[in-house]
Protein backbone atom coordinates (compact mmCIF):
# COMPACT_ATOMS: atom_id res chain seq x y z
CA UNK A 1 -69.10 69.89 -108.75
CA UNK A 2 -69.33 73.02 -110.87
CA UNK A 3 -69.05 76.77 -110.38
CA UNK A 4 -68.48 80.05 -112.19
CA UNK A 5 -65.25 81.90 -111.52
CA UNK A 6 -63.56 85.07 -112.77
CA UNK A 7 -60.33 85.08 -114.76
CA UNK A 8 -58.01 87.90 -115.76
CA UNK A 9 -56.25 87.78 -119.12
CA UNK A 10 -52.73 89.11 -119.62
CA UNK A 11 -54.10 92.34 -121.13
CA UNK A 12 -56.14 93.02 -117.99
CA UNK A 13 -59.51 91.89 -119.37
CA UNK A 14 -61.69 90.10 -116.83
CA UNK A 15 -63.95 87.27 -117.96
CA UNK A 16 -66.15 84.57 -116.52
CA UNK A 17 -65.40 80.87 -116.80
CA UNK A 18 -67.37 77.73 -116.03
CA UNK A 19 -65.45 75.13 -114.01
CA UNK A 20 -66.47 71.49 -113.62
CA UNK A 21 -64.57 69.19 -111.26
CA UNK A 22 -64.60 65.42 -110.85
CA UNK A 23 -66.07 63.91 -107.72
CA UNK A 24 -63.20 61.46 -107.43
CA UNK A 25 -59.53 61.55 -108.36
CA UNK A 26 -58.33 64.04 -110.98
CA UNK A 27 -56.41 62.58 -113.92
CA UNK A 28 -55.77 65.81 -115.79
CA UNK A 29 -57.15 69.19 -116.84
CA UNK A 30 -58.88 70.59 -119.91
CA UNK A 31 -59.55 74.03 -121.31
CA UNK A 32 -62.86 73.73 -123.17
CA UNK A 33 -63.36 76.39 -125.86
CA UNK A 34 -66.91 77.31 -126.81
CA UNK A 35 -68.73 77.49 -130.11
CA UNK A 36 -70.06 80.89 -131.24
CA UNK A 37 -73.07 80.43 -128.95
CA UNK A 38 -71.33 81.18 -125.66
CA UNK A 39 -70.80 78.97 -122.63
CA UNK A 40 -74.37 77.75 -123.00
CA UNK A 41 -76.06 74.64 -121.54
CA UNK A 42 -74.54 72.39 -124.21
CA UNK A 43 -70.97 73.54 -123.55
CA UNK A 44 -71.52 73.21 -119.81
CA UNK A 45 -72.84 69.67 -120.33
CA UNK A 46 -69.69 68.81 -122.29
CA UNK A 47 -67.59 70.17 -119.42
CA UNK A 48 -69.62 68.17 -116.90
CA UNK A 49 -69.17 65.04 -119.00
CA UNK A 50 -65.40 65.28 -119.07
CA UNK A 51 -65.38 66.05 -115.34
CA UNK A 52 -67.11 62.71 -114.79
CA UNK A 53 -64.22 61.14 -116.69
CA UNK A 54 -61.75 62.61 -114.21
CA UNK A 55 -60.75 65.94 -115.75
CA UNK A 56 -60.92 69.39 -114.21
CA UNK A 57 -62.53 71.39 -117.01
CA UNK A 58 -62.65 75.16 -117.45
CA UNK A 59 -64.63 76.90 -120.20
CA UNK A 60 -63.75 80.60 -120.61
CA UNK A 61 -66.49 82.96 -121.81
CA UNK A 62 -64.93 84.42 -124.95
CA UNK A 63 -67.84 86.76 -125.62
CA UNK A 64 -67.30 88.59 -122.31
CA UNK A 65 -65.08 91.01 -124.20
CA UNK A 66 -68.16 92.22 -126.06
CA UNK A 67 -71.16 91.26 -123.91
CA UNK A 68 -71.35 89.56 -120.54
CA UNK A 69 -73.32 86.39 -119.90
CA UNK A 70 -73.98 85.35 -123.50
CA UNK A 71 -75.81 82.02 -123.75
CA UNK A 72 -77.47 81.39 -127.10
CA UNK A 73 -79.61 78.70 -128.69
CA UNK A 74 -79.08 77.34 -132.19
CA UNK A 75 -81.99 78.91 -134.02
CA UNK A 76 -83.92 82.10 -134.77
CA UNK A 77 -82.75 85.39 -133.31
CA UNK A 78 -80.12 83.61 -131.21
CA UNK A 79 -78.51 82.23 -134.36
CA UNK A 80 -78.48 85.71 -135.87
CA UNK A 81 -76.92 87.18 -132.74
CA UNK A 82 -74.31 84.42 -132.65
CA UNK A 83 -73.06 85.34 -136.10
CA UNK A 84 -73.07 89.04 -135.21
CA UNK A 85 -70.88 88.34 -132.19
CA UNK A 86 -68.70 85.99 -134.22
CA UNK A 87 -67.78 88.90 -136.48
CA UNK A 88 -66.29 90.64 -133.44
CA UNK A 89 -64.11 87.74 -132.36
CA UNK A 90 -60.40 88.17 -132.90
CA UNK A 91 -58.30 84.98 -132.64
CA UNK A 92 -55.41 86.90 -131.09
CA UNK A 93 -57.45 88.29 -128.20
CA UNK A 94 -59.52 85.09 -127.87
CA UNK A 95 -56.25 83.24 -127.39
CA UNK A 96 -55.47 85.54 -124.44
CA UNK A 97 -58.68 84.30 -122.81
CA UNK A 98 -57.81 80.67 -123.51
CA UNK A 99 -54.38 81.32 -121.97
CA UNK A 100 -56.04 82.80 -118.87
CA UNK A 101 -58.01 79.58 -118.43
CA UNK A 102 -54.88 77.52 -119.05
CA UNK A 103 -53.01 79.53 -116.41
CA UNK A 104 -55.82 78.90 -113.91
CA UNK A 105 -55.30 75.16 -114.37
CA UNK A 106 -51.57 75.21 -113.62
CA UNK A 107 -52.33 74.81 -109.91
CA UNK A 108 -53.75 71.35 -110.63
CA UNK A 109 -50.20 70.06 -111.22
CA UNK A 110 -51.54 67.78 -113.93
CA UNK A 111 -51.21 67.67 -117.70
CA UNK A 112 -53.42 70.21 -119.48
CA UNK A 113 -55.18 69.70 -122.80
CA UNK A 114 -57.35 71.99 -124.91
CA UNK A 115 -60.56 70.89 -126.62
CA UNK A 116 -62.87 73.06 -128.68
CA UNK A 117 -65.91 73.00 -130.92
CA UNK A 118 -66.60 75.05 -134.05
CA UNK A 119 -64.79 78.37 -133.41
CA UNK A 120 -63.36 76.65 -130.36
CA UNK A 121 -61.93 73.98 -132.63
CA UNK A 122 -59.94 76.65 -134.42
CA UNK A 123 -58.79 78.07 -131.08
CA UNK A 124 -57.67 74.59 -130.03
CA UNK A 125 -55.47 74.39 -133.11
CA UNK A 126 -54.04 77.85 -132.46
CA UNK A 127 -53.38 76.87 -128.84
CA UNK A 128 -51.13 74.15 -130.23
CA UNK A 129 -49.41 76.34 -132.81
CA UNK A 130 -49.20 79.70 -131.02
CA UNK A 131 -49.59 78.77 -127.37
CA UNK A 132 -45.90 78.97 -126.54
CA UNK A 133 -45.95 82.73 -127.15
CA UNK A 134 -48.45 82.95 -124.28
CA UNK A 135 -46.69 80.45 -122.02
CA UNK A 136 -49.09 77.66 -122.96
CA UNK A 137 -47.71 74.21 -123.68
CA UNK A 138 -50.72 71.88 -123.97
CA UNK A 139 -50.13 68.16 -123.57
CA UNK A 140 -52.47 67.72 -126.56
CA UNK A 141 -55.43 69.39 -128.28
CA UNK A 142 -58.68 68.18 -129.83
CA UNK A 143 -60.68 70.18 -132.35
CA UNK A 144 -64.19 69.51 -133.63
CA UNK A 145 -65.22 71.01 -137.02
CA UNK A 146 -62.67 73.80 -136.79
CA UNK A 147 -63.84 76.48 -139.20
CA UNK A 148 -61.10 78.48 -140.90
CA UNK A 149 -58.37 76.01 -140.04
CA UNK A 150 -57.27 75.82 -143.66
CA UNK A 151 -55.90 79.37 -143.52
CA UNK A 152 -53.54 78.42 -140.68
CA UNK A 153 -52.91 74.82 -141.66
CA UNK A 154 -49.20 75.33 -142.24
CA UNK A 155 -48.58 76.54 -138.69
CA UNK A 156 -46.57 74.03 -136.65
CA UNK A 157 -48.30 72.42 -133.64
CA UNK A 158 -46.18 71.89 -130.53
CA UNK A 159 -48.15 68.88 -129.27
CA UNK A 160 -50.27 65.95 -130.51
CA UNK A 161 -53.47 67.02 -132.27
CA UNK A 162 -56.74 65.20 -133.06
CA UNK A 163 -59.34 66.73 -135.38
CA UNK A 164 -62.93 65.68 -136.15
CA UNK A 165 -64.97 66.73 -139.20
CA UNK A 166 -68.30 65.70 -140.68
CA UNK A 167 -68.15 64.58 -144.31
CA UNK A 168 -71.31 66.59 -145.00
CA UNK A 169 -70.14 69.78 -143.29
CA UNK A 170 -71.46 72.67 -145.40
CA UNK A 171 -69.47 75.27 -143.41
CA UNK A 172 -66.00 73.78 -143.81
CA UNK A 173 -64.77 72.77 -147.25
CA UNK A 174 -62.84 69.54 -147.65
CA UNK A 175 -60.00 71.68 -149.00
CA UNK A 176 -59.45 72.96 -145.46
CA UNK A 177 -59.21 69.44 -144.10
CA UNK A 178 -56.82 68.43 -146.87
CA UNK A 179 -54.67 71.49 -146.20
CA UNK A 180 -54.04 70.24 -142.66
CA UNK A 181 -53.59 66.64 -143.77
CA UNK A 182 -51.05 67.67 -146.40
CA UNK A 183 -49.06 69.95 -144.09
CA UNK A 184 -49.21 67.61 -141.07
CA UNK A 185 -49.62 63.92 -141.87
CA UNK A 186 -48.93 63.18 -138.20
CA UNK A 187 -52.16 64.89 -137.09
CA UNK A 188 -54.99 62.44 -136.42
CA UNK A 189 -57.92 63.50 -138.60
CA UNK A 190 -61.25 61.69 -138.57
CA UNK A 191 -64.09 62.17 -141.04
CA UNK A 192 -67.63 61.06 -140.15
CA UNK A 193 -69.93 59.80 -142.87
CA UNK A 194 -73.38 61.38 -142.87
CA UNK A 195 -72.35 63.99 -140.29
CA UNK A 196 -72.69 67.73 -140.81
CA UNK A 197 -71.45 70.80 -139.00
CA UNK A 198 -72.10 70.67 -135.26
CA UNK A 199 -72.72 66.92 -135.29
CA UNK A 200 -71.60 66.60 -131.66
CA UNK A 201 -74.27 68.95 -130.26
CA UNK A 202 -77.53 67.28 -129.24
CA UNK A 203 -79.26 70.68 -129.19
CA UNK A 204 -78.75 71.16 -132.94
CA UNK A 205 -80.65 69.74 -135.86
CA UNK A 206 -77.37 68.45 -137.27
CA UNK A 207 -76.76 66.21 -134.26
CA UNK A 208 -75.52 62.76 -135.27
CA UNK A 209 -75.53 60.44 -132.27
CA UNK A 210 -73.36 57.75 -133.85
CA UNK A 211 -70.69 60.20 -134.99
CA UNK A 212 -70.80 62.05 -131.67
CA UNK A 213 -70.37 58.84 -129.70
CA UNK A 214 -67.45 57.61 -131.81
CA UNK A 215 -65.70 61.00 -131.82
CA UNK A 216 -66.01 61.26 -128.06
CA UNK A 217 -64.62 57.76 -127.54
CA UNK A 218 -61.66 58.60 -129.73
CA UNK A 219 -61.15 61.96 -128.02
CA UNK A 220 -61.30 60.52 -124.51
CA UNK A 221 -58.79 57.80 -125.35
CA UNK A 222 -56.49 60.40 -126.94
CA UNK A 223 -56.78 62.79 -123.98
CA UNK A 224 -56.10 60.08 -121.44
CA UNK A 225 -53.10 58.80 -123.40
CA UNK A 226 -51.50 62.25 -123.60
CA UNK A 227 -52.59 63.86 -120.33
CA UNK A 228 -53.32 61.26 -117.66
């Protein structure tokens, strides 16, 4: 079962969020943080997939602060618009929207994790390192190809973290991955041979089915171990 709801962040901003619920028993909850393409069909399909695994999933629309209802594809003018909107994103205010989604899930009385892709991967990391300032205490977080994570690698996560990167990612230098590995040897970091940026998304040319399948298996096991 899925629906769109409205959230209110702590600064008064109102935003939409996509919610997917399991048909059977709930084992936990997840905040799913989008790429720079909005809460588009791919992100909704990811939410639906984790709902089938037993999680209540909520994906806040981070672009609502700048334009309502943004759903973009991965090519042409949509790609151009995605990068224009990306320039407007501020991690501090985006984190308020993640916290609003997290707060919505408190009523589930289950453990809450955060999982994100691309920009959302960075927000997942920041949810672990800065979440306590916004009354977030995730049970764990998972980040896929988190761009810019190297600049905040020394921040201290408050929960278990799993990160996924493609070895052929031309958006994220290996120096960023090594910065996290060096600062936090306890963080589970996986590199995928032959995988580029966005390898998990079957709507992108960089989709790598083998890497996506393995990363999801690892993520699901990790989420269940720390949340369920």
